[in-house]
PDB file of N, CA and C in Angstrom:
ATOM      1  N   MET A   1      -7.648  21.119  -3.061  1.00  0.00           N
ATOM      2  CA  MET A   1      -7.849  19.875  -4.697  1.00  0.00           C
ATOM      3  C   MET A   1      -7.254  19.867  -5.521  1.00  0.00           C
ATOM      4  N   ALA A   2      -6.267  18.940  -6.095  1.00  0.00           N
ATOM      5  CA  ALA A   2      -5.777  19.197  -7.551  1.00  0.00           C
ATOM      6  C   ALA A   2      -6.713  19.540  -8.585  1.00  0.00           C
ATOM      7  N   SER A   3      -5.893  19.396  -9.279  1.00  0.00           N
ATOM      8  CA  SER A   3      -6.781  20.092 -10.389  1.00  0.00           C
ATOM      9  C   SER A   3      -6.944  19.096 -11.472  1.00  0.00           C
ATOM     10  N   ASN A   4      -5.594  18.297 -11.513  1.00  0.00           N
ATOM     11  CA  ASN A   4      -5.265  17.141 -11.847  1.00  0.00           C
ATOM     12  C   ASN A   4      -6.220  15.159 -10.840  1.00  0.00           C
ATOM     13  N   LEU A   5      -7.548  15.167 -12.143  1.00  0.00           N
ATOM     14  CA  LEU A   5      -8.221  14.148 -11.867  1.00  0.00           C
ATOM     15  C   LEU A   5      -7.673  12.620 -12.533  1.00  0.00           C
ATOM     16  N   ALA A   6      -6.424  12.887 -13.918  1.00  0.00           N
ATOM     17  CA  ALA A   6      -5.772  11.936 -14.495  1.00  0.00           C
ATOM     18  C   ALA A   6      -5.842  10.766 -13.525  1.00  0.00           C
ATOM     19  N   PRO A   7      -5.889   9.595 -13.552  1.00  0.00           N
ATOM     20  CA  PRO A   7      -5.077   8.862 -12.352  1.00  0.00           C
ATOM     21  C   PRO A   7      -4.118   8.162 -13.139  1.00  0.00           C
ATOM     22  N   HIS A   8      -3.249   8.078 -12.177  1.00  0.00           N
ATOM     23  CA  HIS A   8      -2.063   7.341 -12.377  1.00  0.00           C
ATOM     24  C   HIS A   8      -1.564   6.072 -12.082  1.00  0.00           C
ATOM     25  N   VAL A   9      -0.412   5.082 -12.037  1.00  0.00           N
ATOM     26  CA  VAL A   9      -0.308   4.376 -10.949  1.00  0.00           C
ATOM     27  C   VAL A   9       1.324   4.184 -10.782  1.00  0.00           C
ATOM     28  N   VAL A  10       1.656   4.163  -9.228  1.00  0.00           N
ATOM     29  CA  VAL A  10       2.721   4.285  -9.013  1.00  0.00           C
ATOM     30  C   VAL A  10       3.356   3.009  -8.435  1.00  0.00           C
ATOM     31  N   THR A  11       4.500   2.184  -9.284  1.00  0.00           N
ATOM     32  CA  THR A  11       4.503   0.741  -8.018  1.00  0.00           C
ATOM     33  C   THR A  11       5.262   0.622  -7.091  1.00  0.00           C
ATOM     34  N   LEU A  12       5.276   0.451  -6.099  1.00  0.00           N
ATOM     35  CA  LEU A  12       5.775   0.424  -4.611  1.00  0.00           C
ATOM     36  C   LEU A  12       6.190  -0.098  -4.616  1.00  0.00           C
ATOM     37  N   GLY A  13       6.323  -1.449  -4.652  1.00  0.00           N
ATOM     38  CA  GLY A  13       7.211  -3.063  -5.333  1.00  0.00           C
ATOM     39  C   GLY A  13       6.551  -4.085  -5.235  1.00  0.00           C
ATOM     40  N   THR A  14       7.458  -4.720  -6.644  1.00  0.00           N
ATOM     41  CA  THR A  14       6.872  -5.728  -7.460  1.00  0.00           C
ATOM     42  C   THR A  14       7.655  -6.926  -6.508  1.00  0.00           C
ATOM     43  N   ALA A  15       8.407  -7.605  -5.720  1.00  0.00           N
ATOM     44  CA  ALA A  15       8.779  -8.346  -4.988  1.00  0.00           C
ATOM     45  C   ALA A  15       7.915  -9.531  -4.349  1.00  0.00           C
ATOM     46  N   GLY A  16       7.247 -10.323  -5.452  1.00  0.00           N
ATOM     47  CA  GLY A  16       6.407 -11.786  -4.397  1.00  0.00           C
ATOM     48  C   GLY A  16       7.031 -12.314  -3.973  1.00  0.00           C
ATOM     49  N   GLY A  17       6.555 -13.693  -3.166  1.00  0.00           N
ATOM     50  CA  GLY A  17       6.876 -14.497  -2.371  1.00  0.00           C
ATOM     51  C   GLY A  17       8.826 -14.587  -3.533  1.00  0.00           C
ATOM     52  N   PRO A  18      10.011 -15.834  -3.249  1.00  0.00           N
ATOM     53  CA  PRO A  18       9.750 -16.017  -1.564  1.00  0.00           C
ATOM     54  C   PRO A  18       9.522 -15.129  -0.286  1.00  0.00           C
ATOM     55  N   ARG A  19       9.774 -16.259   0.536  1.00  0.00           N
ATOM     56  CA  ARG A  19       9.363 -15.297   1.599  1.00  0.00           C
ATOM     57  C   ARG A  19      11.034 -14.497   2.194  1.00  0.00           C
ATOM     58  N   TRP A  20      12.426 -14.994   1.341  1.00  0.00           N
ATOM     59  CA  TRP A  20      13.465 -14.450   1.876  1.00  0.00           C
ATOM     60  C   TRP A  20      13.860 -14.669   0.062  1.00  0.00           C
ATOM     61  N   TRP A  21      14.579 -13.357  -0.070  1.00  0.00           N
ATOM     62  CA  TRP A  21      15.608 -13.142  -0.827  1.00  0.00           C
ATOM     63  C   TRP A  21      16.923 -13.361  -0.670  1.00  0.00           C
ATOM     64  N   THR A  22      17.054 -13.910  -1.774  1.00  0.00           N
ATOM     65  CA  THR A  22      18.691 -14.299  -1.207  1.00  0.00           C
ATOM     66  C   THR A  22      19.614 -13.544  -1.976  1.00  0.00           C
ATOM     67  N   GLY A  23      21.202 -13.602  -2.102  1.00  0.00           N
ATOM     68  CA  GLY A  23      21.449 -13.526  -3.168  1.00  0.00           C
ATOM     69  C   GLY A  23      22.150 -12.032  -3.405  1.00  0.00           C
ATOM     70  N   ALA A  24      22.716 -11.653  -4.356  1.00  0.00           N
ATOM     71  CA  ALA A  24      23.175 -10.273  -4.866  1.00  0.00           C
ATOM     72  C   ALA A  24      21.780  -9.279  -5.432  1.00  0.00           C
ATOM     73  N   ASN A  25      20.672  -9.533  -5.422  1.00  0.00           N
ATOM     74  CA  ASN A  25      19.726  -8.613  -5.360  1.00  0.00           C
ATOM     75  C   ASN A  25      19.341  -8.664  -4.036  1.00  0.00           C
ATOM     76  N   ALA A  26      19.425  -9.116  -3.141  1.00  0.00           N
ATOM     77  CA  ALA A  26      18.410  -9.812  -1.733  1.00  0.00           C
ATOM     78  C   ALA A  26      18.440  -8.533  -1.164  1.00  0.00           C
ATOM     79  N   GLY A  27      17.056  -7.689  -1.240  1.00  0.00           N
ATOM     80  CA  GLY A  27      16.776  -6.703   0.286  1.00  0.00           C
ATOM     81  C   GLY A  27      16.875  -5.078  -0.913  1.00  0.00           C
ATOM     82  N   LYS A  28      17.372  -5.164  -2.194  1.00  0.00           N
ATOM     83  CA  LYS A  28      16.915  -4.227  -3.274  1.00  0.00           C
ATOM     84  C   LYS A  28      15.528  -4.161  -4.069  1.00  0.00           C
ATOM     85  N   ARG A  29      14.936  -4.976  -3.521  1.00  0.00           N
ATOM     86  CA  ARG A  29      12.877  -4.623  -3.895  1.00  0.00           C
ATOM     87  C   ARG A  29      11.974  -4.734  -2.852  1.00  0.00           C
ATOM     88  N   ALA A  30      10.788  -4.182  -2.562  1.00  0.00           N
ATOM     89  CA  ALA A  30      10.030  -4.517  -1.609  1.00  0.00           C
ATOM     90  C   ALA A  30       8.889  -5.131  -2.344  1.00  0.00           C
ATOM     91  N   GLY A  31       7.936  -5.382  -1.509  1.00  0.00           N
ATOM     92  CA  GLY A  31       7.043  -6.137  -1.742  1.00  0.00           C
ATOM     93  C   GLY A  31       5.867  -6.143  -2.507  1.00  0.00           C
ATOM     94  N   ILE A  32       4.932  -6.439  -2.685  1.00  0.00           N
ATOM     95  CA  ILE A  32       4.360  -6.638  -3.762  1.00  0.00           C
ATOM     96  C   ILE A  32       3.308  -5.031  -3.400  1.00  0.00           C
ATOM     97  N   SER A  33       3.502  -3.884  -3.545  1.00  0.00           N
ATOM     98  CA  SER A  33       1.952  -2.940  -3.308  1.00  0.00           C
ATOM     99  C   SER A  33       2.276  -2.080  -4.528  1.00  0.00           C
ATOM    100  N   THR A  34       0.951  -1.296  -4.714  1.00  0.00           N
ATOM    101  CA  THR A  34       1.024  -0.333  -5.854  1.00  0.00           C
ATOM    102  C   THR A  34       0.010   1.124  -5.652  1.00  0.00           C
ATOM    103  N   ALA A  35       0.531   2.017  -5.756  1.00  0.00           N
ATOM    104  CA  ALA A  35      -0.602   3.059  -5.313  1.00  0.00           C
ATOM    105  C   ALA A  35      -1.379   3.705  -6.065  1.00  0.00           C
ATOM    106  N   VAL A  36      -2.650   3.790  -6.805  1.00  0.00           N
ATOM    107  CA  VAL A  36      -3.517   4.701  -7.562  1.00  0.00           C
ATOM    108  C   VAL A  36      -3.596   5.492  -7.293  1.00  0.00           C
ATOM    109  N   VAL A  37      -3.381   6.483  -7.827  1.00  0.00           N
ATOM    110  CA  VAL A  37      -3.387   8.187  -7.417  1.00  0.00           C
ATOM    111  C   VAL A  37      -4.292   8.488  -8.020  1.00  0.00           C
ATOM    112  N   VAL A  38      -5.361   9.391  -7.788  1.00  0.00           N
ATOM    113  CA  VAL A  38      -6.105  10.505  -8.541  1.00  0.00           C
ATOM    114  C   VAL A  38      -6.387  12.105  -7.711  1.00  0.00           C
ATOM    115  N   GLY A  39      -6.059  12.353  -8.451  1.00  0.00           N
ATOM    116  CA  GLY A  39      -5.848  14.057  -7.797  1.00  0.00           C
ATOM    117  C   GLY A  39      -4.911  14.217  -6.438  1.00  0.00           C
ATOM    118  N   ASP A  40      -5.475  14.156  -5.411  1.00  0.00           N
ATOM    119  CA  ASP A  40      -5.210  14.353  -4.000  1.00  0.00           C
ATOM    120  C   ASP A  40      -5.302  12.702  -3.522  1.00  0.00           C
ATOM    121  N   ALA A  41      -5.948  12.240  -4.367  1.00  0.00           N
ATOM    122  CA  ALA A  41      -6.128  10.929  -3.518  1.00  0.00           C
ATOM    123  C   ALA A  41      -5.469   9.630  -3.750  1.00  0.00           C
ATOM    124  N   VAL A  42      -5.150   9.145  -2.724  1.00  0.00           N
ATOM    125  CA  VAL A  42      -3.983   7.631  -3.299  1.00  0.00           C
ATOM    126  C   VAL A  42      -4.512   6.434  -2.575  1.00  0.00           C
ATOM    127  N   TYR A  43      -4.638   5.381  -3.275  1.00  0.00           N
ATOM    128  CA  TYR A  43      -5.971   4.491  -3.509  1.00  0.00           C
ATOM    129  C   TYR A  43      -4.122   2.712  -2.762  1.00  0.00           C
ATOM    130  N   LEU A  44      -4.168   2.691  -2.274  1.00  0.00           N
ATOM    131  CA  LEU A  44      -3.548   1.126  -2.125  1.00  0.00           C
ATOM    132  C   LEU A  44      -3.852  -0.243  -2.530  1.00  0.00           C
ATOM    133  N   VAL A  45      -2.973  -0.806  -3.779  1.00  0.00           N
ATOM    134  CA  VAL A  45      -3.437  -2.359  -3.880  1.00  0.00           C
ATOM    135  C   VAL A  45      -2.361  -3.275  -3.446  1.00  0.00           C
ATOM    136  N   ASP A  46      -2.600  -3.614  -2.740  1.00  0.00           N
ATOM    137  CA  ASP A  46      -1.947  -4.777  -1.508  1.00  0.00           C
ATOM    138  C   ASP A  46      -0.734  -3.495  -0.664  1.00  0.00           C
ATOM    139  N   ALA A  47      -0.235  -4.634  -0.079  1.00  0.00           N
ATOM    140  CA  ALA A  47       0.128  -3.816   1.188  1.00  0.00           C
ATOM    141  C   ALA A  47       1.314  -5.122   1.596  1.00  0.00           C
ATOM    142  N   GLY A  48       2.331  -5.208   0.701  1.00  0.00           N
ATOM    143  CA  GLY A  48       3.683  -6.136   0.534  1.00  0.00           C
ATOM    144  C   GLY A  48       4.680  -5.413   1.687  1.00  0.00           C
ATOM    145  N   SER A  49       4.973  -6.201   1.736  1.00  0.00           N
ATOM    146  CA  SER A  49       6.342  -5.597   2.792  1.00  0.00           C
ATOM    147  C   SER A  49       7.515  -4.850   2.286  1.00  0.00           C
ATOM    148  N   GLY A  50       7.692  -3.344   3.171  1.00  0.00           N
ATOM    149  CA  GLY A  50       8.224  -2.248   3.086  1.00  0.00           C
ATOM    150  C   GLY A  50       6.953  -0.840   2.482  1.00  0.00           C
ATOM    151  N   VAL A  51       5.689  -1.673   2.921  1.00  0.00           N
ATOM    152  CA  VAL A  51       4.823  -0.598   2.200  1.00  0.00           C
ATOM    153  C   VAL A  51       5.146   0.859   3.008  1.00  0.00           C
ATOM    154  N   GLY A  52       5.108   1.054   4.003  1.00  0.00           N
ATOM    155  CA  GLY A  52       5.126   2.282   4.642  1.00  0.00           C
ATOM    156  C   GLY A  52       6.807   2.948   4.331  1.00  0.00           C
ATOM    157  N   ASN A  53       7.637   2.115   3.805  1.00  0.00           N
ATOM    158  CA  ASN A  53       8.993   3.222   3.493  1.00  0.00           C
ATOM    159  C   ASN A  53       8.186   3.430   2.214  1.00  0.00           C
ATOM    160  N   GLN A  54       7.977   2.162   1.473  1.00  0.00           N
ATOM    161  CA  GLN A  54       8.071   2.902  -0.050  1.00  0.00           C
ATOM    162  C   GLN A  54       7.056   3.493  -0.913  1.00  0.00           C
ATOM    163  N   LEU A  55       6.052   4.100   0.142  1.00  0.00           N
ATOM    164  CA  LEU A  55       5.306   5.205  -0.042  1.00  0.00           C
ATOM    165  C   LEU A  55       5.739   6.071   0.048  1.00  0.00           C
ATOM    166  N   MET A  56       6.340   6.464   1.630  1.00  0.00           N
ATOM    167  CA  MET A  56       7.088   7.697   1.888  1.00  0.00           C
ATOM    168  C   MET A  56       7.773   8.213   0.580  1.00  0.00           C
ATOM    169  N   LYS A  57       9.063   6.698  -0.004  1.00  0.00           N
ATOM    170  CA  LYS A  57       9.783   7.550  -0.551  1.00  0.00           C
ATOM    171  C   LYS A  57       8.907   7.695  -1.856  1.00  0.00           C
ATOM    172  N   ALA A  58       7.824   7.641  -2.151  1.00  0.00           N
ATOM    173  CA  ALA A  58       7.415   7.801  -3.846  1.00  0.00           C
ATOM    174  C   ALA A  58       6.395   9.123  -3.415  1.00  0.00           C
ATOM    175  N   GLY A  59       6.908   9.602  -1.893  1.00  0.00           N
ATOM    176  CA  GLY A  59       6.100  11.369  -1.630  1.00  0.00           C
ATOM    177  C   GLY A  59       4.891  11.395  -0.856  1.00  0.00           C
ATOM    178  N   PHE A  60       4.688   9.846  -0.364  1.00  0.00           N
ATOM    179  CA  PHE A  60       2.806   9.687  -0.035  1.00  0.00           C
ATOM    180  C   PHE A  60       2.958  10.011   1.734  1.00  0.00           C
ATOM    181  N   THR A  61       2.332   9.876   2.146  1.00  0.00           N
ATOM    182  CA  THR A  61       1.752   9.591   3.632  1.00  0.00           C
ATOM    183  C   THR A  61       0.917   8.874   3.158  1.00  0.00           C
ATOM    184  N   PRO A  62       0.452   8.420   4.789  1.00  0.00           N
ATOM    185  CA  PRO A  62      -0.274   7.552   5.340  1.00  0.00           C
ATOM    186  C   PRO A  62      -1.881   8.483   5.054  1.00  0.00           C
ATOM    187  N   GLY A  63      -1.827   9.760   5.687  1.00  0.00           N
ATOM    188  CA  GLY A  63      -2.970  10.381   5.630  1.00  0.00           C
ATOM    189  C   GLY A  63      -3.607  10.978   4.290  1.00  0.00           C
ATOM    190  N   ASP A  64      -2.603  10.701   3.036  1.00  0.00           N
ATOM    191  CA  ASP A  64      -3.028  10.841   1.709  1.00  0.00           C
ATOM    192  C   ASP A  64      -3.974   9.531   0.986  1.00  0.00           C
ATOM    193  N   LEU A  65      -3.860   8.340   1.778  1.00  0.00           N
ATOM    194  CA  LEU A  65      -4.463   7.353   1.673  1.00  0.00           C
ATOM    195  C   LEU A  65      -5.989   7.209   1.237  1.00  0.00           C
ATOM    196  N   ARG A  66      -6.991   7.123   0.772  1.00  0.00           N
ATOM    197  CA  ARG A  66      -8.458   7.023   0.785  1.00  0.00           C
ATOM    198  C   ARG A  66      -8.940   6.039   1.000  1.00  0.00           C
ATOM    199  N   GLY A  67      -8.547   4.667   0.539  1.00  0.00           N
ATOM    200  CA  GLY A  67      -8.476   3.190   0.484  1.00  0.00           C
ATOM    201  C   GLY A  67      -7.727   2.195   0.593  1.00  0.00           C
ATOM    202  N   ILE A  68      -7.621   0.931   0.899  1.00  0.00           N
ATOM    203  CA  ILE A  68      -6.394  -0.314   0.670  1.00  0.00           C
ATOM    204  C   ILE A  68      -7.606  -0.194  -0.108  1.00  0.00           C
ATOM    205  N   PHE A  69      -6.670  -1.725  -0.771  1.00  0.00           N
ATOM    206  CA  PHE A  69      -7.417  -2.938  -1.346  1.00  0.00           C
ATOM    207  C   PHE A  69      -6.542  -4.140  -2.019  1.00  0.00           C
ATOM    208  N   LEU A  70      -7.454  -5.365  -1.016  1.00  0.00           N
ATOM    209  CA  LEU A  70      -6.164  -6.290  -0.879  1.00  0.00           C
ATOM    210  C   LEU A  70      -6.792  -7.306  -2.239  1.00  0.00           C
ATOM    211  N   THR A  71      -6.070  -7.245  -2.887  1.00  0.00           N
ATOM    212  CA  THR A  71      -6.543  -8.662  -4.155  1.00  0.00           C
ATOM    213  C   THR A  71      -6.603  -9.650  -3.738  1.00  0.00           C
ATOM    214  N   HIS A  72      -5.929 -10.622  -2.544  1.00  0.00           N
ATOM    215  CA  HIS A  72      -6.162 -12.285  -2.352  1.00  0.00           C
ATOM    216  C   HIS A  72      -5.440 -11.550  -1.148  1.00  0.00           C
ATOM    217  N   LEU A  73      -5.664 -12.736  -0.176  1.00  0.00           N
ATOM    218  CA  LEU A  73      -5.424 -13.033   1.348  1.00  0.00           C
ATOM    219  C   LEU A  73      -3.367 -13.661   1.235  1.00  0.00           C
ATOM    220  N   HIS A  74      -2.807 -13.821   0.325  1.00  0.00           N
ATOM    221  CA  HIS A  74      -1.391 -14.187   0.617  1.00  0.00           C
ATOM    222  C   HIS A  74      -0.650 -13.011   1.324  1.00  0.00           C
ATOM    223  N   SER A  75      -0.048 -13.971   2.488  1.00  0.00           N
ATOM    224  CA  SER A  75       0.591 -13.392   3.280  1.00  0.00           C
ATOM    225  C   SER A  75       2.500 -12.032   1.951  1.00  0.00           C
ATOM    226  N   ASP A  76       2.224 -12.241   1.078  1.00  0.00           N
ATOM    227  CA  ASP A  76       3.268 -11.008   0.108  1.00  0.00           C
ATOM    228  C   ASP A  76       2.236 -10.249  -0.402  1.00  0.00           C
ATOM    229  N   HIS A  77       1.037  -9.839  -0.235  1.00  0.00           N
ATOM    230  CA  HIS A  77       0.121  -9.156  -0.233  1.00  0.00           C
ATOM    231  C   HIS A  77      -0.573  -8.143   0.868  1.00  0.00           C
ATOM    232  N   THR A  78      -0.249  -8.925   1.918  1.00  0.00           N
ATOM    233  CA  THR A  78      -0.806  -8.316   3.162  1.00  0.00           C
ATOM    234  C   THR A  78       0.354  -8.280   4.255  1.00  0.00           C
ATOM    235  N   ILE A  79       1.227  -8.623   4.458  1.00  0.00           N
ATOM    236  CA  ILE A  79       2.469  -8.672   6.023  1.00  0.00           C
ATOM    237  C   ILE A  79       2.901  -7.454   6.016  1.00  0.00           C
ATOM    238  N   ASP A  80       2.355  -6.227   5.366  1.00  0.00           N
ATOM    239  CA  ASP A  80       2.911  -4.337   6.060  1.00  0.00           C
ATOM    240  C   ASP A  80       1.718  -3.814   6.703  1.00  0.00           C
ATOM    241  N   LEU A  81       0.134  -4.658   6.307  1.00  0.00           N
ATOM    242  CA  LEU A  81      -0.514  -4.191   6.478  1.00  0.00           C
ATOM    243  C   LEU A  81      -0.538  -3.763   8.475  1.00  0.00           C
ATOM    244  N   ALA A  82      -0.519  -4.630   8.968  1.00  0.00           N
ATOM    245  CA  ALA A  82      -0.619  -3.978  10.057  1.00  0.00           C
ATOM    246  C   ALA A  82       0.283  -2.939  10.323  1.00  0.00           C
ATOM    247  N   SER A  83       1.920  -3.083  10.130  1.00  0.00           N
ATOM    248  CA  SER A  83       2.352  -2.097  10.557  1.00  0.00           C
ATOM    249  C   SER A  83       1.938  -0.783   9.504  1.00  0.00           C
ATOM    250  N   LEU A  84       1.969  -0.710   8.977  1.00  0.00           N
ATOM    251  CA  LEU A  84       0.982   0.431   7.933  1.00  0.00           C
ATOM    252  C   LEU A  84      -0.050   0.871   8.688  1.00  0.00           C
ATOM    253  N   ALA A  85      -0.694   0.213   9.703  1.00  0.00           N
ATOM    254  CA  ALA A  85      -2.367   0.472  10.234  1.00  0.00           C
ATOM    255  C   ALA A  85      -1.099   1.109  12.001  1.00  0.00           C
ATOM    256  N   ILE A  86      -0.237   1.010  12.360  1.00  0.00           N
ATOM    257  CA  ILE A  86      -0.404   1.173  13.597  1.00  0.00           C
ATOM    258  C   ILE A  86       1.164   2.226  13.481  1.00  0.00           C
ATOM    259  N   PHE A  87       1.773   2.173  12.853  1.00  0.00           N
ATOM    260  CA  PHE A  87       2.715   3.391  12.443  1.00  0.00           C
ATOM    261  C   PHE A  87       2.767   4.503  11.520  1.00  0.00           C
ATOM    262  N   GLY A  88       1.776   4.398  10.725  1.00  0.00           N
ATOM    263  CA  GLY A  88       0.865   5.328   9.909  1.00  0.00           C
ATOM    264  C   GLY A  88      -0.026   6.235  10.691  1.00  0.00           C
ATOM    265  N   LEU A  89      -0.693   5.878  11.271  1.00  0.00           N
ATOM    266  CA  LEU A  89      -1.485   6.403  12.640  1.00  0.00           C
ATOM    267  C   LEU A  89      -0.949   7.852  13.183  1.00  0.00           C
ATOM    268  N   PHE A  90       0.312   7.896  13.272  1.00  0.00           N
ATOM    269  CA  PHE A  90       1.576   8.687  13.828  1.00  0.00           C
ATOM    270  C   PHE A  90       0.906   9.982  12.711  1.00  0.00           C
ATOM    271  N   THR A  91       0.690   9.414  11.226  1.00  0.00           N
ATOM    272  CA  THR A  91       1.230  10.796  11.101  1.00  0.00           C
ATOM    273  C   THR A  91      -0.104  11.110  10.028  1.00  0.00           C
ATOM    274  N   ILE A  92      -1.765  10.875  10.393  1.00  0.00           N
ATOM    275  CA  ILE A  92      -2.735  10.713   9.809  1.00  0.00           C
ATOM    276  C   ILE A  92      -3.257  11.983  11.006  1.00  0.00           C
ATOM    277  N   PRO A  93      -3.958  12.997   9.729  1.00  0.00           N
ATOM    278  CA  PRO A  93      -4.448  14.557  10.494  1.00  0.00           C
ATOM    279  C   PRO A  93      -5.235  13.783  11.242  1.00  0.00           C
ATOM    280  N   ALA A  94      -5.928  14.824  12.849  1.00  0.00           N
ATOM    281  CA  ALA A  94      -6.777  14.412  13.931  1.00  0.00           C
ATOM    282  C   ALA A  94      -7.902  15.008  12.403  1.00  0.00           C
ATOM    283  N   GLY A  95      -9.897  14.069  12.670  1.00  0.00           N
ATOM    284  CA  GLY A  95     -10.651  14.191  12.164  1.00  0.00           C
ATOM    285  C   GLY A  95     -10.705  14.137  10.561  1.00  0.00           C
ATOM    286  N   LYS A  96      -9.394  13.086   9.719  1.00  0.00           N
ATOM    287  CA  LYS A  96      -9.431  12.688   8.659  1.00  0.00           C
ATOM    288  C   LYS A  96     -10.604  11.396   9.312  1.00  0.00           C
ATOM    289  N   ARG A  97     -11.232  11.213   7.865  1.00  0.00           N
ATOM    290  CA  ARG A  97     -12.148  10.130   7.602  1.00  0.00           C
ATOM    291  C   ARG A  97     -11.216   8.626   7.834  1.00  0.00           C
ATOM    292  N   PRO A  98     -11.948   7.847   8.259  1.00  0.00           N
ATOM    293  CA  PRO A  98     -11.276   6.248   8.155  1.00  0.00           C
ATOM    294  C   PRO A  98     -10.814   5.581   6.959  1.00  0.00           C
ATOM    295  N   ILE A  99      -9.971   5.253   6.859  1.00  0.00           N
ATOM    296  CA  ILE A  99      -9.420   4.313   5.800  1.00  0.00           C
ATOM    297  C   ILE A  99     -10.386   3.341   5.427  1.00  0.00           C
ATOM    298  N   ARG A 100     -10.462   3.066   4.058  1.00  0.00           N
ATOM    299  CA  ARG A 100     -11.817   1.768   3.944  1.00  0.00           C
ATOM    300  C   ARG A 100     -10.736   0.776   3.598  1.00  0.00           C
ATOM    301  N   ILE A 101     -10.669  -0.356   4.239  1.00  0.00           N
ATOM    302  CA  ILE A 101      -9.620  -2.074   3.467  1.00  0.00           C
ATOM    303  C   ILE A 101     -10.772  -2.267   3.200  1.00  0.00           C
ATOM    304  N   LEU A 102     -10.774  -2.937   1.536  1.00  0.00           N
ATOM    305  CA  LEU A 102     -11.877  -3.795   0.887  1.00  0.00           C
ATOM    306  C   LEU A 102     -10.856  -4.925   1.179  1.00  0.00           C
ATOM    307  N   GLY A 103     -11.135  -5.730   0.488  1.00  0.00           N
ATOM    308  CA  GLY A 103     -10.589  -7.275   0.257  1.00  0.00           C
ATOM    309  C   GLY A 103     -11.055  -8.241  -0.468  1.00  0.00           C
ATOM    310  N   PRO A 104     -10.771  -9.374  -0.655  1.00  0.00           N
ATOM    311  CA  PRO A 104     -11.835 -10.416  -1.283  1.00  0.00           C
ATOM    312  C   PRO A 104     -13.586 -11.019  -0.085  1.00  0.00           C
ATOM    313  N   GLY A 105     -14.143 -11.838  -1.013  1.00  0.00           N
ATOM    314  CA  GLY A 105     -15.439 -12.030   0.460  1.00  0.00           C
ATOM    315  C   GLY A 105     -14.875 -13.588  -0.336  1.00  0.00           C
ATOM    316  N   ASP A 106     -16.000 -14.575   0.321  1.00  0.00           N
ATOM    317  CA  ASP A 106     -16.205 -15.606   0.956  1.00  0.00           C
ATOM    318  C   ASP A 106     -15.640 -16.023  -0.632  1.00  0.00           C
ATOM    319  N   ARG A 107     -14.973 -17.285  -0.685  1.00  0.00           N
ATOM    320  CA  ARG A 107     -14.191 -18.189  -1.972  1.00  0.00           C
ATOM    321  C   ARG A 107     -15.807 -18.180  -2.540  1.00  0.00           C
ATOM    322  N   GLY A 108     -15.605 -18.559  -3.734  1.00  0.00           N
ATOM    323  CA  GLY A 108     -16.806 -18.314  -4.366  1.00  0.00           C
ATOM    324  C   GLY A 108     -17.744 -17.541  -4.198  1.00  0.00           C
ATOM    325  N   ALA A 109     -18.243 -16.389  -3.972  1.00  0.00           N
ATOM    326  CA  ALA A 109     -19.054 -15.751  -3.376  1.00  0.00           C
ATOM    327  C   ALA A 109     -18.981 -14.663  -4.729  1.00  0.00           C
TER     328      ALA A 109
END
């Protein structure tokens, strides 16, 4: 267990729409996602394009995730949730608790 429980934030990607980036900066930024780290636990906020690779570059694995929060359901915040679930499955230790996904409720609720 980590001795430091002070939370800190790691920006994994900051590029929101448009759907395709062109020009000199094409491919240099990843889609919207943020890791909130508390001790050994990592909480993912949004799952933009490239989130799996960005987690690995930051030194985390899907096995470190305790929860995933979706701020809203626009595609630039959710596009790689499925790939994270499919490919991340192979890096999660057997017997680990399921990773809870929390998102927005009904509009106006």
